[in-house]
C-alpha atoms as a PDB file:
ATOM      1  CA  MET A   1     119.438-141.095  44.738  1.00  0.00           C
ATOM      2  CA  GLN A   2     117.867-140.365  41.475  1.00  0.00           C
ATOM      3  CA  GLY A   3     114.215-141.445  42.260  1.00  0.00           C
ATOM      4  CA  PRO A   4     112.918-138.247  43.864  1.00  0.00           C
ATOM      5  CA  SER A   5     114.531-136.053  41.280  1.00  0.00           C
ATOM      6  CA  VAL A   6     112.912-137.830  38.351  1.00  0.00           C
ATOM      7  CA  TRP A   7     109.472-137.522  39.787  1.00  0.00           C
ATOM      8  CA  ARG A   8     110.036-133.868  40.339  1.00  0.00           C
ATOM      9  CA  ARG A   9     110.842-133.332  36.711  1.00  0.00           C
ATOM     10  CA  VAL A  10     107.788-135.346  35.566  1.00  0.00           C
ATOM     11  CA  VAL A  11     105.443-133.204  37.787  1.00  0.00           C
ATOM     12  CA  ALA A  12     107.084-130.085  36.418  1.00  0.00           C
ATOM     13  CA  VAL A  13     106.466-131.158  32.861  1.00  0.00           C
ATOM     14  CA  LEU A  14     102.824-132.063  33.530  1.00  0.00           C
ATOM     15  CA  ILE A  15     102.206-128.716  35.191  1.00  0.00           C
ATOM     16  CA  GLY A  16     103.693-126.929  32.163  1.00  0.00           C
ATOM     17  CA  LEU A  17     101.413-128.817  29.833  1.00  0.00           C
ATOM     18  CA  ALA A  18      98.414-127.955  31.934  1.00  0.00           C
ATOM     19  CA  VAL A  19      99.367-124.214  31.811  1.00  0.00           C
ATOM     20  CA  VAL A  20      99.708-124.308  28.012  1.00  0.00           C
ATOM     21  CA  ILE A  21      96.355-126.072  27.505  1.00  0.00           C
ATOM     22  CA  PHE A  22      94.640-123.641  29.844  1.00  0.00           C
ATOM     23  CA  ALA A  23      96.220-120.696  27.891  1.00  0.00           C
ATOM     24  CA  LEU A  24      95.056-122.090  24.554  1.00  0.00           C
ATOM     25  CA  LEU A  25      91.505-122.418  25.761  1.00  0.00           C
ATOM     26  CA  LEU A  26      91.432-118.926  27.245  1.00  0.00           C
ATOM     27  CA  VAL A  27      92.715-117.525  23.865  1.00  0.00           C
ATOM     28  CA  ARG A  28      90.037-119.319  21.969  1.00  0.00           C
ATOM     29  CA  SER A  29      87.178-118.167  24.220  1.00  0.00           C
ATOM     30  CA  CYS A  30      88.269-114.516  24.013  1.00  0.00           C
ATOM     31  CA  GLY A  31      88.706-114.398  20.166  1.00  0.00           C
ATOM     32  CA  THR A  32      85.274-115.993  19.203  1.00  0.00           C
ATOM     33  CA  THR A  33      81.710-114.365  19.270  1.00  0.00           C
ATOM     34  CA  THR A  34      78.934-116.747  19.676  1.00  0.00           C
ATOM     35  CA  GLU A  35      75.708-115.954  17.883  1.00  0.00           C
ATOM     36  CA  ASP A  36      72.600-118.057  17.983  1.00  0.00           C
ATOM     37  CA  ALA A  37      71.575-119.486  14.721  1.00  0.00           C
ATOM     38  CA  GLN A  38      68.607-117.908  12.962  1.00  0.00           C
ATOM     39  CA  PRO A  39      66.249-120.675  12.062  1.00  0.00           C
ATOM     40  CA  GLU A  40      64.199-120.208   8.947  1.00  0.00           C
ATOM     41  CA  PRO A  41      60.415-119.705   9.387  1.00  0.00           C
ATOM     42  CA  THR A  42      58.492-122.869   8.822  1.00  0.00           C
ATOM     43  CA  THR A  43      55.588-122.695   6.378  1.00  0.00           C
ATOM     44  CA  THR A  44      52.756-125.279   6.460  1.00  0.00           C
ATOM     45  CA  THR A  45      50.160-125.401   3.714  1.00  0.00           C
ATOM     46  CA  VAL A  46      46.746-126.822   4.578  1.00  0.00           C
ATOM     47  CA  GLY A  47      44.241-126.758   1.660  1.00  0.00           C
ATOM     48  CA  ALA A  48      43.970-123.189   0.477  1.00  0.00           C
ATOM     49  CA  THR A  49      45.237-121.751   3.752  1.00  0.00           C
ATOM     50  CA  THR A  50      48.917-121.005   4.404  1.00  0.00           C
ATOM     51  CA  THR A  51      50.132-120.610   8.022  1.00  0.00           C
ATOM     52  CA  THR A  52      53.571-119.171   8.746  1.00  0.00           C
ATOM     53  CA  ARG A  53      55.213-119.961  12.065  1.00  0.00           C
ATOM     54  CA  ALA A  54      58.132-117.755  12.964  1.00  0.00           C
ATOM     55  CA  THR A  55      60.682-118.925  15.438  1.00  0.00           C
ATOM     56  CA  THR A  56      61.747-116.351  18.061  1.00  0.00           C
ATOM     57  CA  THR A  57      65.347-115.217  17.544  1.00  0.00           C
ATOM     58  CA  THR A  58      67.924-113.601  19.800  1.00  0.00           C
ATOM     59  CA  SER A  59      70.519-111.144  18.528  1.00  0.00           C
ATOM     60  CA  THR A  60      73.096-109.123  20.260  1.00  0.00           C
ATOM     61  CA  THR A  61      71.558-106.071  18.366  1.00  0.00           C
ATOM     62  CA  PRO A  62      68.134-105.003  19.863  1.00  0.00           C
ATOM     63  CA  ALA A  63      65.292-105.086  17.342  1.00  0.00           C
ATOM     64  CA  VAL A  64      62.884-102.222  16.701  1.00  0.00           C
ATOM     65  CA  THR A  65      59.286-103.157  16.441  1.00  0.00           C
ATOM     66  CA  THR A  66      56.850-100.981  14.334  1.00  0.00           C
ATOM     67  CA  THR A  67      53.073-101.508  14.617  1.00  0.00           C
ATOM     68  CA  THR A  68      50.812-100.241  11.841  1.00  0.00           C
ATOM     69  CA  SER A  69      47.079 -99.965  12.467  1.00  0.00           C
ATOM     70  CA  ALA A  70      44.333 -99.897   9.926  1.00  0.00           C
ATOM     71  CA  PRO A  71      42.534 -96.486   9.743  1.00  0.00           C
ATOM     72  CA  ALA A  72      39.439 -96.354  11.995  1.00  0.00           C
ATOM     73  CA  ALA A  73      36.018 -95.713  10.608  1.00  0.00           C
ATOM     74  CA  PRO A  74      34.782 -92.103  11.283  1.00  0.00           C
ATOM     75  CA  VAL A  75      32.700 -91.776  14.377  1.00  0.00           C
ATOM     76  CA  VAL A  76      29.742 -89.517  14.463  1.00  0.00           C
ATOM     77  CA  ALA A  77      28.628 -88.231  17.845  1.00  0.00           C
ATOM     78  CA  THR A  78      25.062 -88.742  18.789  1.00  0.00           C
ATOM     79  CA  SER A  79      22.860 -87.351  21.505  1.00  0.00           C
ATOM     80  CA  ALA A  80      23.990 -87.696  25.073  1.00  0.00           C
ATOM     81  CA  GLY A  81      23.645 -91.210  26.465  1.00  0.00           C
ATOM     82  CA  SER A  82      23.481 -92.768  23.047  1.00  0.00           C
ATOM     83  CA  PRO A  83      26.341 -94.961  21.677  1.00  0.00           C
ATOM     84  CA  ALA A  84      28.536 -93.559  18.928  1.00  0.00           C
ATOM     85  CA  THR A  85      27.933 -94.653  15.457  1.00  0.00           C
ATOM     86  CA  SER A  86      29.991 -94.718  12.252  1.00  0.00           C
ATOM     87  CA  THR A  87      26.929 -93.955  10.088  1.00  0.00           C
ATOM     88  CA  PRO A  88      26.899 -90.324   8.824  1.00  0.00           C
ATOM     89  CA  PRO A  89      23.826 -88.274   9.721  1.00  0.00           C
ATOM     90  CA  ALA A  90      21.185 -87.785   7.126  1.00  0.00           C
ATOM     91  CA  PRO A  91      21.671 -84.465   5.188  1.00  0.00           C
ATOM     92  CA  LEU A  92      19.418 -81.621   6.179  1.00  0.00           C
ATOM     93  CA  PRO A  93      16.642 -80.734   3.699  1.00  0.00           C
ATOM     94  CA  PRO A  94      17.339 -77.650   1.569  1.00  0.00           C
ATOM     95  CA  CYS A  95      16.547 -74.357   3.191  1.00  0.00           C
ATOM     96  CA  ARG A  96      13.820 -72.894   1.020  1.00  0.00           C
ATOM     97  CA  PRO A  97      11.308 -75.808   1.120  1.00  0.00           C
ATOM     98  CA  ALA A  98      11.700 -76.109   4.900  1.00  0.00           C
ATOM     99  CA  LEU A  99      11.393 -72.323   5.186  1.00  0.00           C
ATOM    100  CA  ASP A 100       8.113 -72.127   3.280  1.00  0.00           C
ATOM    101  CA  THR A 101       6.668 -74.746   5.553  1.00  0.00           C
ATOM    102  CA  TRP A 102       7.958 -73.000   8.662  1.00  0.00           C
ATOM    103  CA  ILE A 103       6.476 -69.680   7.672  1.00  0.00           C
ATOM    104  CA  THR A 104       2.934 -71.052   7.408  1.00  0.00           C
ATOM    105  CA  GLN A 105       3.275 -72.571  10.887  1.00  0.00           C
ATOM    106  CA  ASN A 106       4.518 -69.407  12.708  1.00  0.00           C
ATOM    107  CA  VAL A 107       2.142 -66.618  11.674  1.00  0.00           C
ATOM    108  CA  ALA A 108       1.370 -65.798  15.280  1.00  0.00           C
ATOM    109  CA  PHE A 109       5.045 -65.270  15.945  1.00  0.00           C
ATOM    110  CA  PHE A 110       5.314 -62.893  13.064  1.00  0.00           C
ATOM    111  CA  GLU A 111       2.430 -60.781  14.324  1.00  0.00           C
ATOM    112  CA  SER A 112       3.931 -60.806  17.881  1.00  0.00           C
ATOM    113  CA  VAL A 113       7.084 -59.162  16.630  1.00  0.00           C
ATOM    114  CA  GLY A 114       5.371 -56.693  14.247  1.00  0.00           C
ATOM    115  CA  PHE A 115       6.600 -58.683  11.165  1.00  0.00           C
ATOM    116  CA  ASP A 116      10.211 -57.647  12.030  1.00  0.00           C
ATOM    117  CA  PRO A 117      12.587 -59.461   9.619  1.00  0.00           C
ATOM    118  CA  ASP A 118      15.568 -59.301  11.971  1.00  0.00           C
ATOM    119  CA  GLN A 119      13.822 -60.975  14.945  1.00  0.00           C
ATOM    120  CA  THR A 120      12.255 -63.485  12.497  1.00  0.00           C
ATOM    121  CA  LEU A 121      15.622 -64.479  11.045  1.00  0.00           C
ATOM    122  CA  GLY A 122      17.075 -65.029  14.566  1.00  0.00           C
ATOM    123  CA  GLN A 123      14.268 -67.512  15.243  1.00  0.00           C
ATOM    124  CA  ILE A 124      14.681 -69.231  11.833  1.00  0.00           C
ATOM    125  CA  ILE A 125      18.341 -69.871  12.416  1.00  0.00           C
ATOM    126  CA  ILE A 126      17.510 -71.540  15.809  1.00  0.00           C
ATOM    127  CA  GLU A 127      14.892 -73.821  14.288  1.00  0.00           C
ATOM    128  CA  LEU A 128      16.217 -74.289  10.723  1.00  0.00           C
ATOM    129  CA  PRO A 129      20.035 -74.506  10.994  1.00  0.00           C
ATOM    130  CA  GLN A 130      20.359 -75.335   7.256  1.00  0.00           C
ATOM    131  CA  CYS A 131      19.290 -71.710   6.540  1.00  0.00           C
ATOM    132  CA  ALA A 132      22.026 -70.180   8.677  1.00  0.00           C
ATOM    133  CA  GLY A 133      24.257 -69.416   5.689  1.00  0.00           C
ATOM    134  CA  GLU A 134      21.564 -68.298   3.312  1.00  0.00           C
ATOM    135  CA  PRO A 135      21.316 -64.568   2.357  1.00  0.00           C
ATOM    136  CA  LEU A 136      17.719 -64.150   3.474  1.00  0.00           C
ATOM    137  CA  ILE A 137      17.497 -60.445   4.589  1.00  0.00           C
ATOM    138  CA  GLY A 138      17.804 -57.489   2.352  1.00  0.00           C
ATOM    139  CA  HIS A 139      16.352 -54.232   3.595  1.00  0.00           C
ATOM    140  CA  GLY A 140      15.646 -51.260   1.296  1.00  0.00           C
ATOM    141  CA  THR A 141      18.046 -48.312   1.032  1.00  0.00           C
ATOM    142  CA  ALA A 142      17.630 -44.646   0.023  1.00  0.00           C
ATOM    143  CA  THR A 143      18.935 -45.530  -3.445  1.00  0.00           C
ATOM    144  CA  GLN A 144      17.209 -48.895  -3.636  1.00  0.00           C
ATOM    145  CA  PRO A 145      14.051 -48.444  -1.504  1.00  0.00           C
ATOM    146  CA  ASN A 146      12.468 -51.796  -2.136  1.00  0.00           C
ATOM    147  CA  ALA A 147      13.632 -54.694  -0.012  1.00  0.00           C
ATOM    148  CA  ALA A 148      15.890 -57.041  -1.907  1.00  0.00           C
ATOM    149  CA  GLY A 149      15.745 -60.218   0.169  1.00  0.00           C
ATOM    150  CA  LEU A 150      13.170 -62.867   1.064  1.00  0.00           C
ATOM    151  CA  PHE A 151      12.804 -60.845   4.310  1.00  0.00           C
ATOM    152  CA  GLY A 152      13.282 -57.136   4.560  1.00  0.00           C
ATOM    153  CA  ASN A 153      11.571 -53.733   5.235  1.00  0.00           C
ATOM    154  CA  GLY A 154      11.040 -51.134   2.574  1.00  0.00           C
ATOM    155  CA  TYR A 155      12.959 -47.951   3.069  1.00  0.00           C
ATOM    156  CA  THR A 156      11.388 -45.058   5.040  1.00  0.00           C
ATOM    157  CA  TYR A 157      12.197 -41.609   3.813  1.00  0.00           C
ATOM    158  CA  THR A 158      12.670 -38.505   5.922  1.00  0.00           C
ATOM    159  CA  THR A 159      13.692 -34.903   5.320  1.00  0.00           C
ATOM    160  CA  THR A 160      17.424 -36.039   5.451  1.00  0.00           C
ATOM    161  CA  ASP A 161      17.186 -38.124   2.245  1.00  0.00           C
ATOM    162  CA  CYS A 162      14.074 -36.631   0.649  1.00  0.00           C
ATOM    163  CA  PRO A 163      14.555 -32.839   0.947  1.00  0.00           C
ATOM    164  CA  GLY A 164      12.570 -30.230  -0.913  1.00  0.00           C
ATOM    165  CA  THR A 165       9.086 -30.899  -2.221  1.00  0.00           C
ATOM    166  CA  THR A 166       9.568 -33.877  -4.511  1.00  0.00           C
ATOM    167  CA  PRO A 167       7.519 -36.809  -3.254  1.00  0.00           C
ATOM    168  CA  CYS A 168       9.360 -40.010  -2.210  1.00  0.00           C
ATOM    169  CA  ASN A 169       7.465 -43.288  -2.112  1.00  0.00           C
ATOM    170  CA  GLY A 170       8.287 -45.684   0.718  1.00  0.00           C
ATOM    171  CA  GLY A 171       9.892 -48.909  -0.400  1.00  0.00           C
ATOM    172  CA  ASN A 172       8.080 -52.279  -0.601  1.00  0.00           C
ATOM    173  CA  GLY A 173       8.614 -55.120   1.799  1.00  0.00           C
ATOM    174  CA  GLY A 174      10.480 -58.361   0.924  1.00  0.00           C
ATOM    175  CA  GLN A 175       9.374 -61.280  -1.116  1.00  0.00           C
ATOM    176  CA  LEU A 176       7.997 -63.291   1.853  1.00  0.00           C
ATOM    177  CA  LEU A 177       7.978 -60.995   4.955  1.00  0.00           C
ATOM    178  CA  GLY A 178       8.540 -57.386   5.754  1.00  0.00           C
ATOM    179  CA  ASN A 179       6.800 -54.041   6.282  1.00  0.00           C
ATOM    180  CA  GLY A 180       6.459 -51.241   3.668  1.00  0.00           C
ATOM    181  CA  GLY A 181       8.291 -48.095   4.293  1.00  0.00           C
ATOM    182  CA  THR A 182       6.902 -44.689   4.979  1.00  0.00           C
ATOM    183  CA  GLY A 183       6.515 -42.109   2.205  1.00  0.00           C
ATOM    184  CA  HIS A 184       7.589 -38.426   2.463  1.00  0.00           C
ATOM    185  CA  ASN A 185       6.663 -35.110   0.869  1.00  0.00           C
ATOM    186  CA  GLY A 186       3.343 -36.610  -0.221  1.00  0.00           C
ATOM    187  CA  GLY A 187       4.810 -39.949  -1.273  1.00  0.00           C
ATOM    188  CA  ASN A 188       2.918 -43.186  -0.891  1.00  0.00           C
ATOM    189  CA  GLY A 189       3.674 -45.736   1.679  1.00  0.00           C
ATOM    190  CA  GLY A 190       5.242 -48.918   0.492  1.00  0.00           C
ATOM    191  CA  ASN A 191       3.381 -52.129   0.071  1.00  0.00           C
ATOM    192  CA  ALA A 192       3.884 -54.872   2.526  1.00  0.00           C
ATOM    193  CA  ALA A 193       5.389 -58.336   1.808  1.00  0.00           C
ATOM    194  CA  PRO A 194       2.870 -61.293   1.846  1.00  0.00           C
ATOM    195  CA  TYR A 195       3.332 -61.085   5.695  1.00  0.00           C
ATOM    196  CA  GLY A 196       3.629 -57.507   6.883  1.00  0.00           C
ATOM    197  CA  ASN A 197       2.172 -54.098   7.496  1.00  0.00           C
ATOM    198  CA  GLY A 198       1.718 -51.469   4.776  1.00  0.00           C
ATOM    199  CA  GLY A 199       3.796 -48.366   5.013  1.00  0.00           C
ATOM    200  CA  ASP A 200       2.252 -45.036   5.946  1.00  0.00           C
ATOM    201  CA  GLY A 201       1.864 -42.436   3.268  1.00  0.00           C
ATOM    202  CA  GLY A 202       3.635 -39.152   3.526  1.00  0.00           C
ATOM    203  CA  ASN A 203       1.482 -36.020   3.872  1.00  0.00           C
ATOM    204  CA  GLY A 204      -1.050 -36.353   1.047  1.00  0.00           C
ATOM    205  CA  GLY A 205       0.190 -39.845   0.172  1.00  0.00           C
ATOM    206  CA  LEU A 206      -1.636 -43.162   0.196  1.00  0.00           C
ATOM    207  CA  GLY A 207      -1.053 -45.811   2.825  1.00  0.00           C
ATOM    208  CA  GLY A 208       0.632 -48.991   1.583  1.00  0.00           C
ATOM    209  CA  ALA A 209      -1.287 -52.290   0.999  1.00  0.00           C
ATOM    210  CA  ALA A 210      -1.121 -54.750   3.835  1.00  0.00           C
ATOM    211  CA  GLY A 211       0.169 -58.303   3.660  1.00  0.00           C
ATOM    212  CA  SER A 212      -2.060 -61.208   4.650  1.00  0.00           C
ATOM    213  CA  PRO A 213      -2.008 -60.968   7.557  1.00  0.00           C
ATOM    214  CA  GLY A 214      -0.935 -57.353   8.290  1.00  0.00           C
ATOM    215  CA  ASN A 215      -2.293 -53.876   8.781  1.00  0.00           C
ATOM    216  CA  GLY A 216      -2.943 -51.379   6.033  1.00  0.00           C
ATOM    217  CA  GLY A 217      -0.785 -48.224   6.052  1.00  0.00           C
ATOM    218  CA  ASP A 218      -2.212 -44.951   7.248  1.00  0.00           C
ATOM    219  CA  ASP A 219      -2.776 -42.193   4.717  1.00  0.00           C
ATOM    220  CA  GLY A 220      -0.707 -39.130   5.076  1.00  0.00           C
ATOM    221  CA  ASP A 221      -2.333 -35.869   5.996  1.00  0.00           C
ATOM    222  CA  GLY A 222      -3.321 -33.581   3.114  1.00  0.00           C
ATOM    223  CA  ASP A 223      -4.213 -30.071   2.386  1.00  0.00           C
ATOM    224  CA  ALA A 224      -7.735 -29.758   1.158  1.00  0.00           C
ATOM    225  CA  ASN A 225      -8.512 -33.437   0.379  1.00  0.00           C
ATOM    226  CA  THR A 226      -7.042 -36.779   1.343  1.00  0.00           C
ATOM    227  CA  THR A 227      -7.872 -40.348   0.529  1.00  0.00           C
ATOM    228  CA  ALA A 228      -8.757 -43.400   2.454  1.00  0.00           C
ATOM    229  CA  GLY A 229      -6.346 -45.454   4.626  1.00  0.00           C
ATOM    230  CA  GLY A 230      -5.138 -48.721   3.305  1.00  0.00           C
ATOM    231  CA  ASP A 231      -7.314 -51.800   3.901  1.00  0.00           C
ATOM    232  CA  GLY A 232      -6.124 -54.418   6.374  1.00  0.00           C
ATOM    233  CA  GLY A 233      -4.870 -57.719   5.186  1.00  0.00           C
ATOM    234  CA  THR A 234      -6.296 -60.992   6.533  1.00  0.00           C
ATOM    235  CA  GLY A 235      -7.264 -60.225  10.111  1.00  0.00           C
ATOM    236  CA  GLY A 236      -5.392 -56.924   9.920  1.00  0.00           C
ATOM    237  CA  ASP A 237      -6.670 -53.465  10.870  1.00  0.00           C
ATOM    238  CA  GLY A 238      -7.485 -50.902   8.251  1.00  0.00           C
ATOM    239  CA  GLY A 239      -5.261 -47.894   8.005  1.00  0.00           C
ATOM    240  CA  ASN A 240      -6.350 -44.454   9.266  1.00  0.00           C
ATOM    241  CA  GLY A 241      -7.625 -41.829   6.932  1.00  0.00           C
ATOM    242  CA  GLY A 242      -5.472 -38.748   6.496  1.00  0.00           C
ATOM    243  CA  ASP A 243      -6.393 -35.391   7.891  1.00  0.00           C
ATOM    244  CA  ALA A 244      -7.365 -32.451   5.693  1.00  0.00           C
ATOM    245  CA  THR A 245      -7.000 -28.669   6.144  1.00  0.00           C
ATOM    246  CA  SER A 246      -8.191 -25.802   4.002  1.00  0.00           C
ATOM    247  CA  THR A 247      -7.489 -22.106   4.721  1.00  0.00           C
ATOM    248  CA  GLY A 248      -9.222 -20.147   1.944  1.00  0.00           C
ATOM    249  CA  SER A 249     -12.613 -18.705   1.742  1.00  0.00           C
ATOM    250  CA  GLY A 250     -15.304 -20.961   0.421  1.00  0.00           C
ATOM    251  CA  LEU A 251     -13.041 -24.036   0.271  1.00  0.00           C
ATOM    252  CA  THR A 252     -13.846 -27.526   1.407  1.00  0.00           C
ATOM    253  CA  ALA A 253     -11.611 -29.751   3.490  1.00  0.00           C
ATOM    254  CA  THR A 254     -12.434 -33.502   3.160  1.00  0.00           C
ATOM    255  CA  ALA A 255     -10.480 -35.968   5.256  1.00  0.00           C
ATOM    256  CA  GLY A 256      -9.761 -39.576   4.304  1.00  0.00           C
ATOM    257  CA  ASP A 257     -11.911 -42.525   5.308  1.00  0.00           C
ATOM    258  CA  GLY A 258     -10.484 -45.301   7.403  1.00  0.00           C
ATOM    259  CA  GLY A 259      -9.523 -48.535   5.648  1.00  0.00           C
ATOM    260  CA  THR A 260     -11.584 -51.644   5.923  1.00  0.00           C
ATOM    261  CA  GLY A 261     -10.476 -54.268   8.465  1.00  0.00           C
ATOM    262  CA  GLY A 262      -9.361 -57.481   6.996  1.00  0.00           C
ATOM    263  CA  THR A 263     -11.372 -60.663   7.017  1.00  0.00           C
ATOM    264  CA  GLY A 264     -10.152 -63.088   9.631  1.00  0.00           C
ATOM    265  CA  GLY A 265      -8.896 -66.555   8.663  1.00  0.00           C
ATOM    266  CA  ALA A 266     -10.828 -69.731   9.613  1.00  0.00           C
ATOM    267  CA  GLY A 267     -12.067 -69.298  13.164  1.00  0.00           C
ATOM    268  CA  ALA A 268      -9.941 -66.127  13.558  1.00  0.00           C
ATOM    269  CA  PRO A 269     -11.128 -62.599  14.455  1.00  0.00           C
ATOM    270  CA  GLY A 270     -11.549 -59.977  11.762  1.00  0.00           C
ATOM    271  CA  GLY A 271      -9.480 -56.733  11.775  1.00  0.00           C
ATOM    272  CA  ASP A 272     -10.808 -53.423  13.043  1.00  0.00           C
ATOM    273  CA  GLY A 273     -11.670 -50.667  10.608  1.00  0.00           C
ATOM    274  CA  GLY A 274      -9.399 -47.629  10.436  1.00  0.00           C
ATOM    275  CA  THR A 275     -10.309 -44.296  11.944  1.00  0.00           C
ATOM    276  CA  GLY A 276     -11.522 -41.543   9.637  1.00  0.00           C
ATOM    277  CA  GLY A 277      -9.301 -38.562   9.292  1.00  0.00           C
ATOM    278  CA  ASN A 278     -10.013 -35.091  10.730  1.00  0.00           C
ATOM    279  CA  ALA A 279     -10.959 -32.075   8.641  1.00  0.00           C
ATOM    280  CA  LEU A 280     -10.301 -28.426   9.441  1.00  0.00           C
ATOM    281  CA  ALA A 281     -11.601 -25.508   7.290  1.00  0.00           C
ATOM    282  CA  THR A 282     -10.400 -22.064   8.560  1.00  0.00           C
ATOM    283  CA  GLY A 283     -11.768 -19.733   5.824  1.00  0.00           C
ATOM    284  CA  THR A 284     -15.186 -18.073   5.739  1.00  0.00           C
ATOM    285  CA  ASN A 285     -17.995 -19.884   4.020  1.00  0.00           C
ATOM    286  CA  ALA A 286     -15.876 -23.084   4.114  1.00  0.00           C
ATOM    287  CA  THR A 287     -16.846 -26.728   4.710  1.00  0.00           C
ATOM    288  CA  ALA A 288     -15.024 -29.367   6.661  1.00  0.00           C
ATOM    289  CA  ASN A 289     -15.942 -33.055   6.160  1.00  0.00           C
ATOM    290  CA  GLY A 290     -14.490 -35.678   8.613  1.00  0.00           C
ATOM    291  CA  GLY A 291     -13.540 -39.063   7.184  1.00  0.00           C
ATOM    292  CA  ASP A 292     -15.767 -41.987   7.829  1.00  0.00           C
ATOM    293  CA  GLY A 293     -14.453 -44.929   9.842  1.00  0.00           C
ATOM    294  CA  GLY A 294     -13.673 -48.119   8.027  1.00  0.00           C
ATOM    295  CA  ALA A 295     -15.879 -51.177   8.396  1.00  0.00           C
ATOM    296  CA  GLY A 296     -14.675 -54.044  10.571  1.00  0.00           C
ATOM    297  CA  GLY A 297     -13.574 -57.254   8.969  1.00  0.00           C
ATOM    298  CA  PHE A 298     -15.594 -60.457   9.148  1.00  0.00           C
ATOM    299  CA  GLY A 299     -14.241 -63.046  11.538  1.00  0.00           C
ATOM    300  CA  THR A 300     -14.850 -64.867  14.767  1.00  0.00           C
ATOM    301  CA  PRO A 301     -15.561 -62.418  16.220  1.00  0.00           C
ATOM    302  CA  SER A 302     -15.760 -59.700  13.520  1.00  0.00           C
ATOM    303  CA  GLY A 303     -13.713 -56.607  13.848  1.00  0.00           C
ATOM    304  CA  ASP A 304     -15.005 -53.285  15.095  1.00  0.00           C
ATOM    305  CA  GLY A 305     -15.756 -50.444  12.763  1.00  0.00           C
ATOM    306  CA  GLY A 306     -13.464 -47.509  12.899  1.00  0.00           C
ATOM    307  CA  GLU A 307     -14.467 -44.231  14.536  1.00  0.00           C
ATOM    308  CA  GLY A 308     -15.453 -41.394  12.219  1.00  0.00           C
ATOM    309  CA  GLY A 309     -13.149 -38.364  11.949  1.00  0.00           C
ATOM    310  CA  GLY A 310     -13.796 -34.997  13.403  1.00  0.00           C
ATOM    311  CA  ALA A 311     -14.589 -31.806  11.638  1.00  0.00           C
ATOM    312  CA  LEU A 312     -14.161 -28.165  12.500  1.00  0.00           C
ATOM    313  CA  ALA A 313     -15.107 -24.983  10.527  1.00  0.00           C
ATOM    314  CA  PRO A 314     -15.046 -22.013  13.007  1.00  0.00           C
ATOM    315  CA  ALA A 315     -15.331 -19.109  10.528  1.00  0.00           C
ATOM    316  CA  ALA A 316     -18.501 -17.241   9.689  1.00  0.00           C
ATOM    317  CA  GLY A 317     -20.716 -18.901   7.105  1.00  0.00           C
ATOM    318  CA  SER A 318     -18.805 -22.222   7.391  1.00  0.00           C
ATOM    319  CA  SER A 319     -20.162 -25.688   8.185  1.00  0.00           C
ATOM    320  CA  ALA A 320     -18.622 -28.935   9.532  1.00  0.00           C
ATOM    321  CA  VAL A 321     -19.767 -32.545   9.136  1.00  0.00           C
ATOM    322  CA  GLN A 322     -18.319 -35.202  11.406  1.00  0.00           C
ATOM    323  CA  GLY A 323     -17.378 -38.515   9.895  1.00  0.00           C
ATOM    324  CA  SER A 324     -19.600 -41.507  10.363  1.00  0.00           C
ATOM    325  CA  PRO A 325     -18.340 -44.567  12.315  1.00  0.00           C
ATOM    326  CA  GLY A 326     -17.661 -47.652  10.317  1.00  0.00           C
ATOM    327  CA  ALA A 327     -19.986 -50.612  10.418  1.00  0.00           C
ATOM    328  CA  THR A 328     -19.377 -53.652  12.572  1.00  0.00           C
ATOM    329  CA  PRO A 329     -20.454 -56.861  10.815  1.00  0.00           C
END
């Protein structure tokens, strides 16, 4: 019988065709890479405004995204608890005008530190930061005795840098504040700055002039005669008169008078007068005259007059006259 045999051949042919078709489909799918189409962005114009809409795309290669931000405005820190602000702070005023005002408002502080430029500068830097980098201080030196800065003390000489008998005058104080230096070998004391104390004179030298305010410098001690101490500045005390000594027969020793106390400012006390110097005459038939005390300065209250200097002449035929006290206004 041929019926079953024919059907078996037909089934075999169909199975073969199915295998071939499946193989073709498998080869096609393995040899082709499918990539999604990249649609073009769509641009829509409305009046003067152009809007671009981009369609999200997918790729087999991962994309790298870079984000660029506009630079931020500078932020200036303010006091604690206050919000930050992008407005820069107002610049500080120049040092010198602010300094001039500060000085007139801090006279009591200067007096409390003895017109010391270094302590004054430390306070200035705290209260006037714009002056921190300014070259304000310049003290005197042995070769340049006068102060070179707005603040500074005049140089004070000693036997180390003023040997022998040549007089050395003390240096002057600075342009605004500082004390005069002490003289040596009969040199005069340096003059004070507008705010400061005058320097003391060396033996036989004059006391330096005071600032306003400030105290006058003391006169140095002399041999036979000395001069008066420096007068006080506004509200400052007068300097003391120098002592005097004579050793020969028939000589006179006259001590210096005390300087006059400075007049006080409005409603402020006046300065005290300086003390008169002491006189000593050791020879026979000699005379010793003590220096008179300086008068007190006018003020509220007025300053006291200085004490008169003592006098001593112990040898035979000699006389001694004590100095008179200074007047109190």
